[in-house]
């Protein structure tokens, strides 16, 4: 069993993860979860993510549910070079994404 991504492509975080994985040739199996039909509230999906939210990832017996963590973990499959872009993020936003952006001269 390889990497499984549980996504609803109507969700922006899910689309971002899907586009990243496809554009970087990361092999994964797409598991569609239709939020409008309540598929995220089934017992089957609850086994993947007890919070019942997408995106979610399963790799063997390991599951991950937080969208930024899923993206970062997927990035790490691409190789260590993904971290080179993190410097720009940190310069703009600081250590937390909850901060307001600040302009630097």
PDB file of N, CA and C in Angstrom:
ATOM      1  N   UNK A   1       0.852  -1.177   0.000  1.00  0.00           N
ATOM      2  CA  UNK A   1       0.000   0.000   0.000  1.00  0.00           C
ATOM      3  C   UNK A   1       0.894   1.235   0.000  1.00  0.00           C
ATOM      4  N   UNK A   2       0.629   2.174  -0.905  1.00  0.00           N
ATOM      5  CA  UNK A   2       1.420   3.389  -0.996  1.00  0.00           C
ATOM      6  C   UNK A   2       0.716   4.565  -0.356  1.00  0.00           C
ATOM      7  N   UNK A   3       1.080   5.730  -0.785  1.00  0.00           N
ATOM      8  CA  UNK A   3       0.517   6.969  -0.261  1.00  0.00           C
ATOM      9  C   UNK A   3      -0.914   7.150  -0.763  1.00  0.00           C
ATOM     10  N   UNK A   4      -1.830   7.396   0.154  1.00  0.00           N
ATOM     11  CA  UNK A   4      -3.229   7.657  -0.179  1.00  0.00           C
ATOM     12  C   UNK A   4      -3.566   9.057   0.281  1.00  0.00           C
ATOM     13  N   UNK A   5      -4.136   9.858  -0.614  1.00  0.00           N
ATOM     14  CA  UNK A   5      -4.571  11.210  -0.268  1.00  0.00           C
ATOM     15  C   UNK A   5      -6.086  11.249  -0.336  1.00  0.00           C
ATOM     16  N   UNK A   6      -6.703  11.649   0.758  1.00  0.00           N
ATOM     17  CA  UNK A   6      -8.152  11.773   0.857  1.00  0.00           C
ATOM     18  C   UNK A   6      -8.499  13.230   0.625  1.00  0.00           C
ATOM     19  N   UNK A   7      -9.135  13.514  -0.520  1.00  0.00           N
ATOM     20  CA  UNK A   7      -9.336  14.894  -0.941  1.00  0.00           C
ATOM     21  C   UNK A   7     -10.734  15.117  -1.479  1.00  0.00           C
ATOM     22  N   UNK A   8     -11.216  16.327  -1.313  1.00  0.00           N
ATOM     23  CA  UNK A   8     -12.368  16.834  -2.044  1.00  0.00           C
ATOM     24  C   UNK A   8     -11.836  18.005  -2.842  1.00  0.00           C
ATOM     25  N   UNK A   9     -11.807  17.883  -4.151  1.00  0.00           N
ATOM     26  CA  UNK A   9     -11.163  18.896  -4.984  1.00  0.00           C
ATOM     27  C   UNK A   9     -11.936  20.212  -5.035  1.00  0.00           C
ATOM     28  N   UNK A  10     -13.085  20.297  -4.371  1.00  0.00           N
ATOM     29  CA  UNK A  10     -13.771  21.583  -4.214  1.00  0.00           C
ATOM     30  C   UNK A  10     -13.144  22.406  -3.096  1.00  0.00           C
ATOM     31  N   UNK A  11     -12.335  21.758  -2.277  1.00  0.00           N
ATOM     32  CA  UNK A  11     -11.661  22.418  -1.157  1.00  0.00           C
ATOM     33  C   UNK A  11     -10.315  22.967  -1.617  1.00  0.00           C
ATOM     34  N   UNK A  12     -10.041  24.237  -1.327  1.00  0.00           N
ATOM     35  CA  UNK A  12      -8.792  24.862  -1.766  1.00  0.00           C
ATOM     36  C   UNK A  12      -7.560  24.176  -1.193  1.00  0.00           C
ATOM     37  N   UNK A  13      -7.490  23.841   0.105  1.00  0.00           N
ATOM     38  CA  UNK A  13      -6.312  23.130   0.601  1.00  0.00           C
ATOM     39  C   UNK A  13      -6.113  21.774  -0.078  1.00  0.00           C
ATOM     40  N   UNK A  14      -7.209  21.096  -0.407  1.00  0.00           N
ATOM     41  CA  UNK A  14      -7.103  19.820  -1.106  1.00  0.00           C
ATOM     42  C   UNK A  14      -6.563  20.013  -2.516  1.00  0.00           C
ATOM     43  N   UNK A  15      -7.037  21.038  -3.201  1.00  0.00           N
ATOM     44  CA  UNK A  15      -6.534  21.310  -4.555  1.00  0.00           C
ATOM     45  C   UNK A  15      -5.053  21.644  -4.534  1.00  0.00           C
ATOM     46  N   UNK A  16      -4.612  22.420  -3.539  1.00  0.00           N
ATOM     47  CA  UNK A  16      -3.200  22.782  -3.439  1.00  0.00           C
ATOM     48  C   UNK A  16      -2.350  21.530  -3.262  1.00  0.00           C
ATOM     49  N   UNK A  17      -2.770  20.628  -2.415  1.00  0.00           N
ATOM     50  CA  UNK A  17      -2.045  19.388  -2.185  1.00  0.00           C
ATOM     51  C   UNK A  17      -2.039  18.519  -3.438  1.00  0.00           C
ATOM     52  N   UNK A  18      -3.174  18.421  -4.109  1.00  0.00           N
ATOM     53  CA  UNK A  18      -3.288  17.625  -5.327  1.00  0.00           C
ATOM     54  C   UNK A  18      -2.377  18.173  -6.423  1.00  0.00           C
ATOM     55  N   UNK A  19      -2.399  19.477  -6.626  1.00  0.00           N
ATOM     56  CA  UNK A  19      -1.572  20.105  -7.658  1.00  0.00           C
ATOM     57  C   UNK A  19      -0.098  19.909  -7.344  1.00  0.00           C
ATOM     58  N   UNK A  20       0.283  20.088  -6.083  1.00  0.00           N
ATOM     59  CA  UNK A  20       1.677  19.907  -5.710  1.00  0.00           C
ATOM     60  C   UNK A  20       2.139  18.476  -5.977  1.00  0.00           C
ATOM     61  N   UNK A  21       1.366  17.508  -5.544  1.00  0.00           N
ATOM     62  CA  UNK A  21       1.757  16.102  -5.711  1.00  0.00           C
ATOM     63  C   UNK A  21       1.842  15.732  -7.185  1.00  0.00           C
ATOM     64  N   UNK A  22       0.885  16.175  -7.984  1.00  0.00           N
ATOM     65  CA  UNK A  22       0.900  15.853  -9.413  1.00  0.00           C
ATOM     66  C   UNK A  22       2.056  16.544 -10.131  1.00  0.00           C
ATOM     67  N   UNK A  23       2.290  17.811  -9.835  1.00  0.00           N
ATOM     68  CA  UNK A  23       3.333  18.544 -10.546  1.00  0.00           C
ATOM     69  C   UNK A  23       4.731  18.076 -10.173  1.00  0.00           C
ATOM     70  N   UNK A  24       4.888  17.430  -9.017  1.00  0.00           N
ATOM     71  CA  UNK A  24       6.191  16.925  -8.585  1.00  0.00           C
ATOM     72  C   UNK A  24       6.324  15.413  -8.747  1.00  0.00           C
ATOM     73  N   UNK A  25       5.385  14.827  -9.484  1.00  0.00           N
ATOM     74  CA  UNK A  25       5.433  13.391  -9.801  1.00  0.00           C
ATOM     75  C   UNK A  25       5.548  12.509  -8.560  1.00  0.00           C
ATOM     76  N   UNK A  26       4.818  12.871  -7.512  1.00  0.00           N
ATOM     77  CA  UNK A  26       4.777  12.062  -6.295  1.00  0.00           C
ATOM     78  C   UNK A  26       3.671  11.030  -6.481  1.00  0.00           C
ATOM     79  N   UNK A  27       4.007   9.742  -6.441  1.00  0.00           N
ATOM     80  CA  UNK A  27       2.967   8.728  -6.650  1.00  0.00           C
ATOM     81  C   UNK A  27       2.009   8.667  -5.463  1.00  0.00           C
ATOM     82  N   UNK A  28       0.722   8.699  -5.763  1.00  0.00           N
ATOM     83  CA  UNK A  28      -0.298   8.612  -4.721  1.00  0.00           C
ATOM     84  C   UNK A  28      -1.568   8.040  -5.317  1.00  0.00           C
ATOM     85  N   UNK A  29      -2.403   7.538  -4.435  1.00  0.00           N
ATOM     86  CA  UNK A  29      -3.728   7.072  -4.831  1.00  0.00           C
ATOM     87  C   UNK A  29      -4.736   8.093  -4.313  1.00  0.00           C
ATOM     88  N   UNK A  30      -5.538   8.621  -5.214  1.00  0.00           N
ATOM     89  CA  UNK A  30      -6.541   9.620  -4.847  1.00  0.00           C
ATOM     90  C   UNK A  30      -7.782   8.920  -4.311  1.00  0.00           C
ATOM     91  N   UNK A  31      -8.151   9.279  -3.100  1.00  0.00           N
ATOM     92  CA  UNK A  31      -9.386   8.789  -2.486  1.00  0.00           C
ATOM     93  C   UNK A  31     -10.314   9.992  -2.373  1.00  0.00           C
ATOM     94  N   UNK A  32     -11.320  10.022  -3.211  1.00  0.00           N
ATOM     95  CA  UNK A  32     -12.239  11.162  -3.218  1.00  0.00           C
ATOM     96  C   UNK A  32     -13.200  11.101  -2.029  1.00  0.00           C
ATOM     97  N   UNK A  33     -13.325  12.229  -1.373  1.00  0.00           N
ATOM     98  CA  UNK A  33     -14.254  12.375  -0.255  1.00  0.00           C
ATOM     99  C   UNK A  33     -15.152  13.555  -0.588  1.00  0.00           C
ATOM    100  N   UNK A  34     -16.415  13.296  -0.828  1.00  0.00           N
ATOM    101  CA  UNK A  34     -17.336  14.363  -1.198  1.00  0.00           C
ATOM    102  C   UNK A  34     -17.971  14.947   0.063  1.00  0.00           C
ATOM    103  N   UNK A  35     -17.506  16.147   0.404  1.00  0.00           N
ATOM    104  CA  UNK A  35     -17.996  16.805   1.611  1.00  0.00           C
ATOM    105  C   UNK A  35     -19.487  17.120   1.510  1.00  0.00           C
ATOM    106  N   UNK A  36     -19.945  17.519   0.337  1.00  0.00           N
ATOM    107  CA  UNK A  36     -21.350  17.890   0.155  1.00  0.00           C
ATOM    108  C   UNK A  36     -22.286  16.709   0.417  1.00  0.00           C
ATOM    109  N   UNK A  37     -21.788  15.496   0.207  1.00  0.00           N
ATOM    110  CA  UNK A  37     -22.597  14.300   0.446  1.00  0.00           C
ATOM    111  C   UNK A  37     -22.372  13.714   1.835  1.00  0.00           C
ATOM    112  N   UNK A  38     -21.521  14.361   2.629  1.00  0.00           N
ATOM    113  CA  UNK A  38     -21.276  13.911   3.990  1.00  0.00           C
ATOM    114  C   UNK A  38     -20.379  12.695   4.103  1.00  0.00           C
ATOM    115  N   UNK A  39     -19.594  12.412   3.071  1.00  0.00           N
ATOM    116  CA  UNK A  39     -18.728  11.236   3.102  1.00  0.00           C
ATOM    117  C   UNK A  39     -17.618  11.361   4.145  1.00  0.00           C
ATOM    118  N   UNK A  40     -17.348  12.566   4.596  1.00  0.00           N
ATOM    119  CA  UNK A  40     -16.328  12.762   5.628  1.00  0.00           C
ATOM    120  C   UNK A  40     -16.848  12.383   7.015  1.00  0.00           C
ATOM    121  N   UNK A  41     -18.114  12.132   7.153  1.00  0.00           N
ATOM    122  CA  UNK A  41     -18.702  11.785   8.439  1.00  0.00           C
ATOM    123  C   UNK A  41     -18.965  10.284   8.606  1.00  0.00           C
ATOM    124  N   UNK A  42     -18.492   9.476   7.668  1.00  0.00           N
ATOM    125  CA  UNK A  42     -18.708   8.030   7.757  1.00  0.00           C
ATOM    126  C   UNK A  42     -17.701   7.398   8.713  1.00  0.00           C
ATOM    127  N   UNK A  43     -18.047   6.227   9.209  1.00  0.00           N
ATOM    128  CA  UNK A  43     -17.143   5.494  10.103  1.00  0.00           C
ATOM    129  C   UNK A  43     -15.865   5.095   9.369  1.00  0.00           C
ATOM    130  N   UNK A  44     -15.977   4.785   8.097  1.00  0.00           N
ATOM    131  CA  UNK A  44     -14.803   4.406   7.307  1.00  0.00           C
ATOM    132  C   UNK A  44     -13.792   5.554   7.255  1.00  0.00           C
ATOM    133  N   UNK A  45     -14.278   6.780   7.013  1.00  0.00           N
ATOM    134  CA  UNK A  45     -13.369   7.921   6.963  1.00  0.00           C
ATOM    135  C   UNK A  45     -12.879   8.307   8.356  1.00  0.00           C
ATOM    136  N   UNK A  46     -13.680   8.066   9.358  1.00  0.00           N
ATOM    137  CA  UNK A  46     -13.276   8.368  10.742  1.00  0.00           C
ATOM    138  C   UNK A  46     -12.035   7.567  11.147  1.00  0.00           C
ATOM    139  N   UNK A  47     -11.850   6.397  10.540  1.00  0.00           N
ATOM    140  CA  UNK A  47     -10.653   5.596  10.804  1.00  0.00           C
ATOM    141  C   UNK A  47      -9.402   6.275  10.250  1.00  0.00           C
ATOM    142  N   UNK A  48      -9.570   7.087   9.223  1.00  0.00           N
ATOM    143  CA  UNK A  48      -8.454   7.823   8.632  1.00  0.00           C
ATOM    144  C   UNK A  48      -8.221   9.112   9.401  1.00  0.00           C
ATOM    145  N   UNK A  49      -9.294   9.823   9.718  1.00  0.00           N
ATOM    146  CA  UNK A  49      -9.191  11.110  10.400  1.00  0.00           C
ATOM    147  C   UNK A  49     -10.333  11.247  11.398  1.00  0.00           C
ATOM    148  N   UNK A  50     -10.011  11.185  12.671  1.00  0.00           N
ATOM    149  CA  UNK A  50     -11.046  11.289  13.696  1.00  0.00           C
ATOM    150  C   UNK A  50     -11.673  12.677  13.737  1.00  0.00           C
ATOM    151  N   UNK A  51     -10.984  13.676  13.186  1.00  0.00           N
ATOM    152  CA  UNK A  51     -11.549  15.025  13.121  1.00  0.00           C
ATOM    153  C   UNK A  51     -12.532  15.181  11.974  1.00  0.00           C
ATOM    154  N   UNK A  52     -12.555  14.193  11.083  1.00  0.00           N
ATOM    155  CA  UNK A  52     -13.463  14.149   9.932  1.00  0.00           C
ATOM    156  C   UNK A  52     -13.296  15.365   9.019  1.00  0.00           C
ATOM    157  N   UNK A  53     -12.041  15.711   8.717  1.00  0.00           N
ATOM    158  CA  UNK A  53     -11.746  16.834   7.833  1.00  0.00           C
ATOM    159  C   UNK A  53     -10.792  16.387   6.740  1.00  0.00           C
ATOM    160  N   UNK A  54     -10.836  17.092   5.628  1.00  0.00           N
ATOM    161  CA  UNK A  54      -9.897  16.850   4.534  1.00  0.00           C
ATOM    162  C   UNK A  54      -9.021  18.081   4.378  1.00  0.00           C
ATOM    163  N   UNK A  55      -7.820  17.957   3.856  1.00  0.00           N
ATOM    164  CA  UNK A  55      -7.214  16.746   3.334  1.00  0.00           C
ATOM    165  C   UNK A  55      -6.700  15.857   4.452  1.00  0.00           C
ATOM    166  N   UNK A  56      -6.580  14.594   4.124  1.00  0.00           N
ATOM    167  CA  UNK A  56      -5.985  13.616   5.032  1.00  0.00           C
ATOM    168  C   UNK A  56      -5.080  12.714   4.206  1.00  0.00           C
ATOM    169  N   UNK A  57      -4.126  12.112   4.875  1.00  0.00           N
ATOM    170  CA  UNK A  57      -3.143  11.277   4.195  1.00  0.00           C
ATOM    171  C   UNK A  57      -2.976   9.985   4.980  1.00  0.00           C
ATOM    172  N   UNK A  58      -2.800   8.887   4.241  1.00  0.00           N
ATOM    173  CA  UNK A  58      -2.464   7.604   4.868  1.00  0.00           C
ATOM    174  C   UNK A  58      -1.311   7.000   4.083  1.00  0.00           C
ATOM    175  N   UNK A  59      -0.307   6.585   4.815  1.00  0.00           N
ATOM    176  CA  UNK A  59       0.850   5.923   4.222  1.00  0.00           C
ATOM    177  C   UNK A  59       1.102   4.669   5.047  1.00  0.00           C
ATOM    178  N   UNK A  60       0.585   3.541   4.573  1.00  0.00           N
ATOM    179  CA  UNK A  60       0.638   2.308   5.362  1.00  0.00           C
ATOM    180  C   UNK A  60      -0.264   2.445   6.574  1.00  0.00           C
ATOM    181  N   UNK A  61       0.292   2.312   7.766  1.00  0.00           N
ATOM    182  CA  UNK A  61      -0.501   2.461   8.984  1.00  0.00           C
ATOM    183  C   UNK A  61      -0.422   3.880   9.547  1.00  0.00           C
ATOM    184  N   UNK A  62       0.388   4.739   8.943  1.00  0.00           N
ATOM    185  CA  UNK A  62       0.552   6.116   9.405  1.00  0.00           C
ATOM    186  C   UNK A  62      -0.492   7.006   8.750  1.00  0.00           C
ATOM    187  N   UNK A  63      -1.215   7.783   9.565  1.00  0.00           N
ATOM    188  CA  UNK A  63      -2.195   8.726   9.032  1.00  0.00           C
ATOM    189  C   UNK A  63      -1.884  10.129   9.540  1.00  0.00           C
ATOM    190  N   UNK A  64      -2.258  11.106   8.744  1.00  0.00           N
ATOM    191  CA  UNK A  64      -2.012  12.504   9.083  1.00  0.00           C
ATOM    192  C   UNK A  64      -3.211  13.307   8.607  1.00  0.00           C
ATOM    193  N   UNK A  65      -3.652  14.289   9.422  1.00  0.00           N
ATOM    194  CA  UNK A  65      -4.889  14.973   9.105  1.00  0.00           C
ATOM    195  C   UNK A  65      -4.774  16.481   8.962  1.00  0.00           C
ATOM    196  N   UNK A  66      -3.823  17.135   9.563  1.00  0.00           N
ATOM    197  CA  UNK A  66      -3.713  18.593   9.479  1.00  0.00           C
ATOM    198  C   UNK A  66      -3.220  18.986   8.096  1.00  0.00           C
ATOM    199  N   UNK A  67      -3.916  19.909   7.414  1.00  0.00           N
ATOM    200  CA  UNK A  67      -3.630  20.185   6.003  1.00  0.00           C
ATOM    201  C   UNK A  67      -2.203  20.662   5.749  1.00  0.00           C
ATOM    202  N   UNK A  68      -1.669  21.548   6.579  1.00  0.00           N
ATOM    203  CA  UNK A  68      -0.297  22.004   6.366  1.00  0.00           C
ATOM    204  C   UNK A  68       0.711  20.899   6.624  1.00  0.00           C
ATOM    205  N   UNK A  69       0.430  20.046   7.596  1.00  0.00           N
ATOM    206  CA  UNK A  69       1.325  18.915   7.871  1.00  0.00           C
ATOM    207  C   UNK A  69       1.290  17.913   6.721  1.00  0.00           C
ATOM    208  N   UNK A  70       0.107  17.687   6.162  1.00  0.00           N
ATOM    209  CA  UNK A  70      -0.008  16.779   5.025  1.00  0.00           C
ATOM    210  C   UNK A  70       0.799  17.322   3.855  1.00  0.00           C
ATOM    211  N   UNK A  71       0.686  18.620   3.595  1.00  0.00           N
ATOM    212  CA  UNK A  71       1.442  19.230   2.504  1.00  0.00           C
ATOM    213  C   UNK A  71       2.942  19.129   2.762  1.00  0.00           C
ATOM    214  N   UNK A  72       3.384  19.414   3.976  1.00  0.00           N
ATOM    215  CA  UNK A  72       4.807  19.350   4.298  1.00  0.00           C
ATOM    216  C   UNK A  72       5.335  17.920   4.178  1.00  0.00           C
ATOM    217  N   UNK A  73       4.558  16.944   4.622  1.00  0.00           N
ATOM    218  CA  UNK A  73       4.982  15.554   4.516  1.00  0.00           C
ATOM    219  C   UNK A  73       5.050  15.125   3.061  1.00  0.00           C
ATOM    220  N   UNK A  74       4.092  15.557   2.269  1.00  0.00           N
ATOM    221  CA  UNK A  74       4.114  15.253   0.848  1.00  0.00           C
ATOM    222  C   UNK A  74       5.316  15.911   0.186  1.00  0.00           C
ATOM    223  N   UNK A  75       5.625  17.126   0.609  1.00  0.00           N
ATOM    224  CA  UNK A  75       6.801  17.823   0.088  1.00  0.00           C
ATOM    225  C   UNK A  75       8.068  17.044   0.392  1.00  0.00           C
ATOM    226  N   UNK A  76       8.151  16.463   1.571  1.00  0.00           N
ATOM    227  CA  UNK A  76       9.368  15.756   1.945  1.00  0.00           C
ATOM    228  C   UNK A  76       9.580  14.520   1.085  1.00  0.00           C
ATOM    229  N   UNK A  77       8.526  13.997   0.493  1.00  0.00           N
ATOM    230  CA  UNK A  77       8.671  12.871  -0.422  1.00  0.00           C
ATOM    231  C   UNK A  77       9.383  13.312  -1.699  1.00  0.00           C
ATOM    232  N   UNK A  78       9.293  14.585  -2.001  1.00  0.00           N
ATOM    233  CA  UNK A  78       9.938  15.135  -3.187  1.00  0.00           C
ATOM    234  C   UNK A  78      11.443  15.180  -2.998  1.00  0.00           C
ATOM    235  N   UNK A  79      11.889  15.366  -1.781  1.00  0.00           N
ATOM    236  CA  UNK A  79      13.314  15.437  -1.490  1.00  0.00           C
ATOM    237  C   UNK A  79      13.592  16.609  -0.575  1.00  0.00           C
ATOM    238  N   UNK A  80      14.813  16.719  -0.086  1.00  0.00           N
ATOM    239  CA  UNK A  80      15.134  17.783   0.869  1.00  0.00           C
ATOM    240  C   UNK A  80      15.121  19.183   0.266  1.00  0.00           C
ATOM    241  N   UNK A  81      15.100  19.303  -1.054  1.00  0.00           N
ATOM    242  CA  UNK A  81      15.164  20.626  -1.684  1.00  0.00           C
ATOM    243  C   UNK A  81      13.908  21.458  -1.450  1.00  0.00           C
ATOM    244  N   UNK A  82      12.779  20.829  -1.051  1.00  0.00           N
ATOM    245  CA  UNK A  82      11.551  21.606  -0.834  1.00  0.00           C
ATOM    246  C   UNK A  82      11.739  22.617   0.280  1.00  0.00           C
ATOM    247  N   UNK A  83      12.653  22.339   1.203  1.00  0.00           N
ATOM    248  CA  UNK A  83      12.839  23.230   2.345  1.00  0.00           C
ATOM    249  C   UNK A  83      13.492  24.549   1.948  1.00  0.00           C
ATOM    250  N   UNK A  84      14.109  24.606   0.789  1.00  0.00           N
ATOM    251  CA  UNK A  84      14.777  25.838   0.377  1.00  0.00           C
ATOM    252  C   UNK A  84      13.794  26.989   0.225  1.00  0.00           C
ATOM    253  N   UNK A  85      12.543  26.705  -0.098  1.00  0.00           N
ATOM    254  CA  UNK A  85      11.541  27.753  -0.215  1.00  0.00           C
ATOM    255  C   UNK A  85      11.001  28.217   1.122  1.00  0.00           C
ATOM    256  N   UNK A  86      11.290  27.504   2.188  1.00  0.00           N
ATOM    257  CA  UNK A  86      10.756  27.847   3.506  1.00  0.00           C
ATOM    258  C   UNK A  86      11.358  29.143   4.037  1.00  0.00           C
ATOM    259  N   UNK A  87      12.560  29.506   3.574  1.00  0.00           N
ATOM    260  CA  UNK A  87      13.184  30.739   4.052  1.00  0.00           C
ATOM    261  C   UNK A  87      12.365  31.967   3.697  1.00  0.00           C
ATOM    262  N   UNK A  88      11.810  31.999   2.487  1.00  0.00           N
ATOM    263  CA  UNK A  88      10.974  33.128   2.073  1.00  0.00           C
ATOM    264  C   UNK A  88       9.711  33.227   2.898  1.00  0.00           C
ATOM    265  N   UNK A  89       9.110  32.070   3.185  1.00  0.00           N
ATOM    266  CA  UNK A  89       7.907  32.035   4.035  1.00  0.00           C
ATOM    267  C   UNK A  89       8.226  32.591   5.414  1.00  0.00           C
ATOM    268  N   UNK A  90       9.341  32.136   5.982  1.00  0.00           N
ATOM    269  CA  UNK A  90       9.702  32.563   7.330  1.00  0.00           C
ATOM    270  C   UNK A  90      10.017  34.050   7.363  1.00  0.00           C
ATOM    271  N   UNK A  91      10.691  34.563   6.331  1.00  0.00           N
ATOM    272  CA  UNK A  91      10.995  35.996   6.294  1.00  0.00           C
ATOM    273  C   UNK A  91       9.716  36.830   6.233  1.00  0.00           C
ATOM    274  N   UNK A  92       8.725  36.346   5.491  1.00  0.00           N
ATOM    275  CA  UNK A  92       7.496  37.117   5.344  1.00  0.00           C
ATOM    276  C   UNK A  92       6.572  36.967   6.543  1.00  0.00           C
ATOM    277  N   UNK A  93       6.403  35.747   7.060  1.00  0.00           N
ATOM    278  CA  UNK A  93       5.392  35.488   8.064  1.00  0.00           C
ATOM    279  C   UNK A  93       5.947  35.240   9.459  1.00  0.00           C
ATOM    280  N   UNK A  94       7.219  35.057   9.606  1.00  0.00           N
ATOM    281  CA  UNK A  94       7.774  34.743  10.916  1.00  0.00           C
ATOM    282  C   UNK A  94       7.611  33.268  11.222  1.00  0.00           C
ATOM    283  N   UNK A  95       7.592  32.911  12.475  1.00  0.00           N
ATOM    284  CA  UNK A  95       7.500  31.507  12.874  1.00  0.00           C
ATOM    285  C   UNK A  95       6.081  30.967  12.843  1.00  0.00           C
ATOM    286  N   UNK A  96       5.092  31.833  12.813  1.00  0.00           N
ATOM    287  CA  UNK A  96       3.704  31.387  12.864  1.00  0.00           C
ATOM    288  C   UNK A  96       2.926  31.965  11.702  1.00  0.00           C
ATOM    289  N   UNK A  97       2.106  31.146  11.075  1.00  0.00           N
ATOM    290  CA  UNK A  97       1.285  31.631   9.968  1.00  0.00           C
ATOM    291  C   UNK A  97       0.108  32.464  10.469  1.00  0.00           C
ATOM    292  N   UNK A  98      -0.108  32.528  11.794  1.00  0.00           N
ATOM    293  CA  UNK A  98      -1.202  33.326  12.335  1.00  0.00           C
ATOM    294  C   UNK A  98      -0.827  34.802  12.476  1.00  0.00           C
ATOM    295  N   UNK A  99       0.433  35.116  12.236  1.00  0.00           N
ATOM    296  CA  UNK A  99       0.865  36.510  12.325  1.00  0.00           C
ATOM    297  C   UNK A  99       0.386  37.310  11.136  1.00  0.00           C
ATOM    298  N   UNK A 100       0.206  38.591  11.339  1.00  0.00           N
ATOM    299  CA  UNK A 100      -0.137  39.455  10.225  1.00  0.00           C
ATOM    300  C   UNK A 100       1.131  39.681   9.404  1.00  0.00           C
ATOM    301  N   UNK A 101       0.990  39.756   8.082  1.00  0.00           N
ATOM    302  CA  UNK A 101       2.201  39.976   7.272  1.00  0.00           C
ATOM    303  C   UNK A 101       2.793  41.354   7.555  1.00  0.00           C
ATOM    304  N   UNK A 102       4.081  41.402   7.536  1.00  0.00           N
ATOM    305  CA  UNK A 102       4.769  42.669   7.761  1.00  0.00           C
ATOM    306  C   UNK A 102       5.632  42.966   6.556  1.00  0.00           C
ATOM    307  N   UNK A 103       5.706  44.237   6.212  1.00  0.00           N
ATOM    308  CA  UNK A 103       6.563  44.641   5.088  1.00  0.00           C
ATOM    309  C   UNK A 103       7.937  44.941   5.626  1.00  0.00           C
ATOM    310  N   UNK A 104       8.887  44.451   4.917  1.00  0.00           N
ATOM    311  CA  UNK A 104      10.273  44.728   5.284  1.00  0.00           C
ATOM    312  C   UNK A 104      10.920  45.502   4.163  1.00  0.00           C
ATOM    313  N   UNK A 105      11.713  46.480   4.525  1.00  0.00           N
ATOM    314  CA  UNK A 105      12.365  47.319   3.503  1.00  0.00           C
ATOM    315  C   UNK A 105      13.649  46.702   3.057  1.00  0.00           C
TER     316      UNK A 105
END
